[in-house]
Protein backbone atom coordinates (compact mmCIF):
# COMPACT_ATOMS: atom_id res chain seq x y z
CA MET A 1 -158.66 16.05 -71.23
CA ASP A 2 -161.14 16.81 -68.43
CA GLU A 3 -161.71 13.74 -66.29
CA ILE A 4 -165.20 12.51 -65.45
CA LYS A 5 -165.81 12.00 -61.74
CA LEU A 6 -167.03 8.55 -60.70
CA THR A 7 -169.29 7.58 -57.84
CA PRO A 8 -167.93 4.86 -55.50
CA GLU A 9 -170.29 2.36 -57.11
CA GLU A 10 -169.09 3.27 -60.60
CA ALA A 11 -165.44 3.03 -59.55
CA THR A 12 -166.04 -0.43 -58.06
CA ALA A 13 -167.73 -1.58 -61.26
CA ARG A 14 -164.81 -0.34 -63.36
CA LEU A 15 -162.35 -2.13 -61.09
CA ARG A 16 -164.24 -5.40 -61.53
CA ARG A 17 -164.51 -5.21 -65.30
CA GLY A 18 -161.04 -3.78 -65.92
CA GLY A 19 -157.44 -4.93 -65.85
CA PHE A 20 -154.22 -3.66 -64.32
CA VAL A 21 -150.69 -2.80 -65.44
CA LEU A 22 -148.25 -2.77 -62.53
CA CYS A 23 -145.15 -0.69 -63.36
CA MET A 24 -142.47 -1.08 -60.71
CA ASP A 25 -139.44 1.17 -60.07
CA VAL A 26 -140.30 3.79 -62.70
CA PRO A 27 -138.34 6.95 -61.78
CA ALA A 28 -140.27 10.14 -61.07
CA GLU A 29 -140.80 12.57 -63.97
CA ARG A 30 -140.55 9.83 -66.60
CA GLU A 31 -143.35 9.77 -69.16
CA ILE A 32 -145.67 6.78 -69.29
CA GLY A 33 -148.57 6.57 -71.72
CA CYS A 34 -151.60 4.45 -72.46
CA ASP A 35 -153.56 4.57 -75.73
CA CYS A 36 -153.91 8.29 -76.53
CA VAL A 37 -152.34 10.06 -73.53
CA MET A 38 -148.90 10.47 -71.95
CA TRP A 39 -148.35 11.40 -68.29
CA GLN A 40 -145.31 12.50 -66.34
CA VAL A 41 -145.36 10.17 -63.35
CA GLY A 42 -144.68 10.97 -59.72
CA ALA A 43 -142.47 9.18 -57.21
CA LYS A 44 -145.33 6.99 -55.95
CA PHE A 45 -146.56 5.85 -59.37
CA GLN A 46 -146.87 2.07 -59.71
CA GLY A 47 -149.12 1.60 -62.69
CA LEU A 48 -152.67 1.84 -64.04
CA LYS A 49 -155.94 0.25 -62.97
CA MET A 50 -159.48 0.05 -64.37
CA ILE A 51 -158.16 -0.55 -67.90
CA PRO A 52 -161.18 -1.58 -70.04
CA PRO A 53 -161.09 -5.03 -71.69
CA GLY A 54 -159.56 -5.02 -75.16
CA ILE A 55 -156.33 -4.14 -76.95
CA HIS A 56 -154.36 -1.22 -75.53
CA LEU A 57 -151.11 0.56 -76.33
CA LEU A 58 -148.58 1.14 -73.53
CA VAL A 59 -145.86 3.72 -74.17
CA TYR A 60 -142.70 4.32 -72.16
CA GLU A 61 -140.16 7.11 -72.31
CA ALA A 62 -136.79 5.42 -72.75
CA GLY A 63 -133.29 6.89 -72.71
CA HIS A 64 -132.43 10.05 -74.67
CA GLY A 65 -136.09 11.08 -74.88
CA SER A 66 -137.09 8.29 -77.27
CA ARG A 67 -140.18 6.15 -76.77
CA ILE A 68 -140.87 2.44 -76.96
CA ALA A 69 -144.28 0.81 -76.87
CA GLU A 70 -146.11 -2.46 -76.64
CA PHE A 71 -149.66 -3.61 -77.19
CA VAL A 72 -151.39 -5.58 -74.47
CA ALA A 73 -154.63 -7.56 -74.59
CA ILE A 74 -156.59 -6.96 -71.38
CA ASN A 75 -159.38 -9.08 -69.95
CA ALA A 76 -161.30 -8.44 -66.74
CA GLY A 77 -159.03 -8.99 -63.75
CA ASP A 78 -155.81 -9.36 -65.78
CA VAL A 79 -152.63 -8.08 -64.16
CA ILE A 80 -149.63 -7.27 -66.38
CA VAL A 81 -146.34 -6.71 -64.53
CA ARG A 82 -143.53 -4.50 -65.85
CA ARG A 83 -140.32 -3.25 -64.23
CA TRP A 84 -138.04 -0.32 -65.02
CA ASP A 85 -134.40 -1.18 -65.75
CA PRO A 86 -132.26 1.77 -64.51
CA VAL A 87 -129.16 0.51 -66.33
CA GLN A 88 -130.78 0.31 -69.75
CA GLU A 89 -133.13 3.24 -69.00
CA ASP A 90 -135.92 1.14 -70.37
CA ILE A 91 -138.64 -1.30 -69.38
CA ALA A 92 -137.00 -4.64 -68.64
CA PRO A 93 -137.73 -7.58 -70.97
CA ASN A 94 -140.83 -9.58 -70.10
CA SER A 95 -141.90 -8.76 -66.52
CA GLY A 96 -138.42 -8.03 -65.17
CA PHE A 97 -139.06 -10.34 -62.20
CA PRO A 98 -138.67 -14.06 -61.44
CA GLU A 99 -141.87 -16.01 -61.99
CA ASP A 100 -142.56 -16.62 -58.31
CA GLN A 101 -142.24 -12.89 -57.55
CA VAL A 102 -144.60 -12.06 -60.41
CA GLU A 103 -147.20 -14.33 -58.84
CA ARG A 104 -146.86 -12.52 -55.50
CA LEU A 105 -147.18 -9.12 -57.20
CA VAL A 106 -150.26 -10.22 -59.13
CA HIS A 107 -151.83 -11.44 -55.89
CA GLY A 108 -150.97 -8.12 -54.25
CA VAL A 109 -152.66 -6.14 -57.03
CA ARG A 110 -155.81 -8.24 -56.79
CA ASN A 111 -155.72 -7.80 -53.01
CA ASN A 112 -155.66 -3.98 -53.48
CA ASP A 113 -152.16 -3.69 -51.94
CA PHE A 114 -151.15 -1.24 -54.71
CA ASP A 115 -154.49 0.52 -55.10
CA GLY A 116 -153.31 3.86 -53.72
CA SER A 117 -150.33 4.08 -56.08
CA MET A 118 -152.06 3.02 -59.32
CA GLY A 119 -153.72 5.67 -61.45
CA PRO A 120 -157.19 5.03 -62.91
CA TYR A 121 -157.58 4.70 -66.66
CA PRO A 122 -159.32 7.94 -67.72
CA VAL A 123 -163.04 7.42 -68.26
CA ASN A 124 -163.01 9.91 -71.14
CA MET A 125 -160.36 7.96 -72.99
CA GLU A 126 -162.32 4.72 -73.32
CA LYS A 127 -164.66 6.03 -76.05
CA LEU A 128 -161.87 8.01 -77.70
CA TRP A 129 -159.64 4.93 -77.97
CA ALA A 130 -162.56 2.85 -79.27
CA ARG A 131 -163.20 5.42 -82.01
CA SER A 132 -159.54 5.80 -82.86
CA ALA A 133 -158.45 2.15 -82.65
CA GLY A 134 -161.57 -0.01 -82.48
CA PHE A 135 -160.69 -1.93 -85.67
CA ILE A 136 -157.24 -3.01 -84.42
CA THR A 137 -157.32 -6.76 -83.82
CA LEU A 138 -154.85 -9.41 -82.73
CA GLU A 139 -154.61 -10.36 -86.40
CA ASN A 140 -153.51 -6.80 -87.25
CA LEU A 141 -150.80 -6.95 -84.60
CA THR A 142 -149.59 -10.38 -85.72
CA ARG A 143 -149.47 -9.29 -89.37
CA ALA A 144 -147.45 -6.23 -88.36
CA GLY A 145 -145.00 -8.40 -86.42
CA VAL A 146 -145.91 -6.78 -83.10
CA PRO A 147 -148.18 -9.21 -81.21
CA PRO A 148 -149.06 -8.33 -77.60
CA GLY A 149 -145.99 -8.00 -75.40
CA THR A 150 -143.63 -7.16 -78.27
CA ARG A 151 -141.47 -4.10 -77.67
CA ILE A 152 -142.12 -1.68 -80.52
CA LEU A 153 -139.41 0.74 -81.65
CA PRO A 154 -139.88 3.83 -83.85
CA GLY A 155 -137.50 2.25 -86.34
CA ASP A 156 -135.57 3.44 -89.35
CA PRO A 157 -137.54 2.84 -92.58
CA ASP A 158 -134.45 3.65 -94.67
CA GLU A 159 -132.55 0.86 -92.94
CA ASP A 160 -135.52 -1.47 -93.49
CA GLU A 161 -135.41 -0.69 -97.22
CA ARG A 162 -131.65 -1.34 -97.35
CA GLN A 163 -132.12 -4.69 -95.63
CA LYS A 164 -134.86 -5.72 -98.06
CA LYS A 165 -132.70 -4.80 -101.06
CA GLU A 166 -129.84 -6.83 -99.62
CA GLY A 167 -132.15 -9.78 -98.99
CA ALA A 168 -131.47 -9.71 -95.26
CA ILE A 169 -133.71 -11.69 -92.94
CA ALA A 170 -134.44 -10.09 -89.59
CA PRO A 171 -134.21 -12.65 -86.77
CA TYR A 172 -136.97 -12.75 -84.19
CA PHE A 173 -136.30 -12.70 -80.47
CA ALA A 174 -139.23 -12.37 -78.10
CA ASP A 175 -137.54 -9.80 -75.83
CA GLN A 176 -135.96 -7.73 -78.61
CA GLY A 177 -137.49 -4.53 -79.96
CA ARG A 178 -139.27 -4.73 -83.30
CA VAL A 179 -140.38 -2.21 -85.91
CA ALA A 180 -143.96 -2.64 -87.12
CA ARG A 181 -144.29 -3.87 -90.71
CA PHE A 182 -147.23 -2.86 -92.88
CA THR A 183 -149.31 -4.18 -95.76
CA PRO A 184 -148.04 -3.34 -99.26
CA LEU A 185 -150.50 -1.01 -100.94
CA TRP A 186 -150.01 -2.15 -104.50
CA PRO A 187 -151.60 -5.31 -105.92
CA GLY A 188 -149.03 -7.86 -106.91
CA ALA A 189 -146.42 -6.48 -104.51
CA PRO A 190 -144.60 -9.24 -102.61
CA ALA A 191 -145.59 -9.85 -98.99
CA GLU A 192 -142.27 -8.43 -97.78
CA ALA A 193 -142.88 -5.14 -99.59
CA THR A 194 -144.14 -2.22 -97.54
CA GLY A 195 -146.17 0.91 -98.12
CA SER A 196 -147.15 2.09 -101.59
CA GLN A 197 -144.41 0.50 -103.69
CA ARG A 198 -145.83 1.23 -107.14
CA ARG A 199 -145.88 -1.65 -109.58
CA ARG A 200 -147.44 -2.03 -112.99
CA VAL A 201 -150.10 -4.73 -112.85
CA ASP A 202 -149.34 -7.44 -115.41
CA GLY A 203 -151.60 -7.48 -118.46
CA MET A 204 -152.76 -3.87 -118.22
CA SER A 205 -152.74 -1.59 -121.21
CA ALA A 206 -151.39 1.95 -120.95
CA ALA A 207 -154.94 3.34 -120.79
CA GLU A 208 -155.85 0.87 -118.04
CA VAL A 209 -152.77 1.81 -116.04
CA THR A 210 -153.71 5.50 -116.34
CA ALA A 211 -157.26 4.81 -115.18
CA PHE A 212 -155.91 2.59 -112.40
CA ASN A 213 -153.93 5.56 -111.05
CA MET A 214 -156.60 8.23 -111.61
CA ASP A 215 -159.23 6.34 -109.60
CA SER A 216 -157.79 4.19 -106.81
CA SER A 217 -160.95 2.08 -106.47
CA ALA A 218 -159.63 -0.93 -108.38
CA ARG A 219 -156.29 -0.70 -106.64
CA LEU A 220 -157.89 -0.45 -103.18
CA LEU A 221 -160.16 -3.44 -103.76
CA ALA A 222 -157.28 -5.47 -105.22
CA VAL A 223 -155.09 -4.71 -102.20
CA ILE A 224 -157.90 -5.76 -99.86
CA GLU A 225 -158.48 -8.97 -101.83
CA GLN A 226 -154.81 -9.95 -102.25
CA HIS A 227 -153.25 -8.74 -99.00
CA CYS A 228 -156.19 -8.71 -96.54
CA GLY A 229 -158.06 -11.82 -97.64
CA GLY A 230 -161.00 -9.70 -98.80
CA ASN A 231 -161.48 -8.26 -95.31
CA TRP A 232 -161.55 -4.45 -95.53
CA GLN A 233 -161.71 -4.18 -91.72
CA LEU A 234 -158.10 -5.36 -91.62
CA LEU A 235 -156.99 -2.39 -93.71
CA ILE A 236 -158.96 0.06 -91.54
CA GLY A 237 -157.37 -1.58 -88.50
CA GLU A 238 -153.93 -1.07 -90.02
CA PHE A 239 -154.79 2.57 -90.75
CA GLN A 240 -155.59 2.96 -87.05
CA LEU A 241 -152.49 1.03 -85.99
CA ALA A 242 -150.28 3.26 -88.11
CA PHE A 243 -151.79 6.42 -86.60
CA ALA A 244 -151.33 5.13 -83.05
CA LEU A 245 -147.65 4.37 -83.64
CA PHE A 246 -146.78 7.56 -85.48
CA SER A 247 -148.66 9.81 -83.02
CA MET A 248 -147.48 8.10 -79.83
CA VAL A 249 -144.06 6.68 -80.77
CA SER A 250 -143.05 9.02 -83.63
CA SER A 251 -142.57 6.13 -86.04
CA MET A 252 -141.70 7.39 -89.52
CA ALA A 253 -142.68 4.07 -91.12
CA ALA A 254 -146.08 4.27 -89.42
CA PHE A 255 -146.58 7.84 -90.61
CA GLN A 256 -145.78 6.83 -94.18
CA GLN A 257 -148.30 3.98 -94.05
CA TRP A 258 -150.98 6.21 -92.52
CA ARG A 259 -150.40 8.79 -95.27
CA ASP A 260 -150.43 6.17 -98.03
CA VAL A 261 -153.64 4.49 -96.83
CA LEU A 262 -155.23 7.93 -96.55
CA GLN A 263 -154.23 8.70 -100.12
CA LEU A 264 -155.50 5.34 -101.34
CA PHE A 265 -158.98 5.93 -99.90
CA CYS A 266 -159.19 9.61 -100.84
CA MET A 267 -158.40 8.92 -104.50
CA CYS A 268 -161.33 6.52 -104.91
CA ASP A 269 -164.40 7.31 -107.03
CA GLU A 270 -166.33 4.15 -107.98
CA ALA A 271 -165.77 2.30 -104.69
CA LEU A 272 -167.61 5.04 -102.80
CA ALA A 273 -170.90 3.77 -104.23
CA THR A 274 -170.14 0.06 -103.99
CA HIS A 275 -168.61 -0.03 -100.49
CA PRO A 276 -170.33 2.65 -98.37
CA HIS A 277 -169.81 0.79 -95.07
CA MET A 278 -166.06 0.67 -95.64
CA PHE A 279 -165.88 4.38 -96.42
CA HIS A 280 -168.11 5.19 -93.46
CA ALA A 281 -165.58 3.41 -91.19
CA PHE A 282 -162.70 5.20 -92.92
CA MET A 283 -164.29 8.63 -92.47
CA GLU A 284 -165.21 8.02 -88.83
CA THR A 285 -161.61 6.97 -88.16
CA LEU A 286 -160.20 9.93 -90.06
CA ARG A 287 -162.47 12.31 -88.17
CA VAL A 288 -161.09 11.28 -84.77
CA HIS A 289 -157.53 11.32 -86.11
CA MET A 290 -158.00 14.89 -87.29
CA GLU A 291 -159.37 15.86 -83.88
CA HIS A 292 -156.29 14.57 -82.09
CA ILE A 293 -153.47 15.05 -84.54
CA PRO A 294 -150.55 16.99 -82.97
CA GLU A 295 -151.06 20.76 -83.17
CA ASP A 296 -147.68 21.31 -84.83
CA PHE A 297 -148.33 18.63 -87.46
CA PHE A 298 -148.65 21.03 -90.40
CA ALA A 299 -145.50 22.89 -89.35
CA ASP A 300 -143.48 19.70 -89.27
CA GLU A 301 -141.17 18.64 -92.08
CA LEU A 302 -143.22 15.47 -92.56
CA ALA A 303 -146.21 17.56 -93.64
CA ALA A 304 -144.24 20.23 -95.51
CA GLU A 305 -145.80 19.17 -98.79
CA ASN A 306 -149.19 19.72 -97.15
CA PHE A 307 -150.48 16.50 -98.66
CA LEU A 308 -153.50 16.34 -96.40
CA ARG A 309 -155.51 19.35 -97.55
CA PRO A 310 -155.63 18.49 -101.29
CA LEU A 311 -156.37 14.84 -100.51
CA LEU A 312 -159.32 15.74 -98.31
CA ALA A 313 -160.59 18.21 -100.90
CA ARG A 314 -160.42 15.49 -103.55
CA HIS A 315 -162.21 13.03 -101.28
CA LEU A 316 -164.98 15.51 -100.50
CA ALA A 317 -165.43 16.30 -104.20
CA ASN A 318 -165.65 12.58 -104.99
CA ILE A 319 -168.29 12.02 -102.31
CA ARG A 320 -170.39 14.95 -103.48
CA ALA A 321 -170.16 13.87 -107.11
CA ALA A 322 -171.07 10.27 -106.30
CA ALA A 323 -173.95 11.33 -104.02
CA GLY A 324 -175.41 13.64 -106.66
CA PRO A 325 -178.35 15.96 -105.92
CA ALA A 326 -179.34 13.87 -102.89
CA ALA A 327 -176.37 15.28 -100.98
CA SER A 328 -177.68 18.83 -101.21
CA ARG A 329 -181.01 17.73 -99.79
CA GLY A 330 -179.38 15.62 -97.06
CA LYS A 331 -179.69 18.11 -94.23
CA GLN A 332 -183.47 17.90 -94.51
CA ALA A 333 -183.36 14.23 -93.53
CA ALA A 334 -184.03 13.27 -89.93
CA GLY A 335 -184.20 10.25 -87.67
CA THR A 336 -182.03 7.16 -87.70
CA ALA A 337 -181.64 7.23 -91.48
CA ALA A 338 -179.04 9.98 -91.03
CA ASN A 339 -176.71 7.44 -89.45
CA GLU A 340 -176.81 4.99 -92.33
CA PRO A 341 -173.62 4.88 -94.47
CA SER A 342 -175.31 6.03 -97.68
CA LEU A 343 -173.58 8.39 -100.10
CA PRO A 344 -175.68 11.44 -99.12
CA ASN A 345 -174.89 10.81 -95.47
CA LEU A 346 -171.21 10.39 -96.24
CA ALA A 347 -171.33 13.75 -97.98
CA ARG A 348 -172.93 15.35 -94.92
CA LYS A 349 -170.34 13.82 -92.59
CA ALA A 350 -167.54 15.11 -94.79
CA THR A 351 -168.78 18.69 -94.47
CA GLN A 352 -169.56 18.68 -90.75
């Protein structure tokens, strides 16, 4: 990612509107990441500055090459303090310092004592992160069991399934790592279910069940109504959350949810016409995900079935069919109307 050069005035403005993450005692050559990028840090590294206000993902290389992460909510002038634990080869719980020392460190950051050893948040990444994760809200994080400050582990979805079958209840400790939990993608599924656990909806005939599976529109809208309180932005936010965790932390559970939400949207026919704004947000999110998906993704075992290509082909065919003849005339349109989430414009976006 080529970095944009800032003038002194621009750098000062970014410092004033941004926040800071002070990372103490991180050994050289460890990987530290924020949002979409990982860096191998040098001996003088002590954190990041100029972090734009909003929700951000911090990623740390832990022992044995694994990664842990946490979301943070940044406001202008905020200072978040973290410390490396050499014994655990991990970021220490909470700040890693006594409260009075944290206060001194925060004062030092605001006094520019650490300015020379804190790297600037890349200017280029601000828009990229907004496009990739702009729908992620504090409600999304709370629903997933990973509110800001929670240590997020890649997890073992098979173990999660075993625990659910055994009726186990996972205790919550603020300083203990957690695995993100996701919305069930089948109407009528219990709240503790995850992913696309397929269930027959009570009262449906065989023909209705077949139609329900051929066109995911009814299923998608039922999931949004039952599990997202009718708020489709929550599901888009979860789609973005899942991508962030599978791409940056290699979470298998997050990959499975990202794949299942993708399938749910791509198999829709009728909802394309009735909910164009929702599908516009989905396609804009998917576009940036495709631009930054790991290069070896299709060679990986996870994608061995090559699920993505047929799903996208189906989605494109659905858009074209729903848009009708207007889609073929779409490229003649000009002006601001081209940005409206109508079916012809969705068809054009899908073929760009």
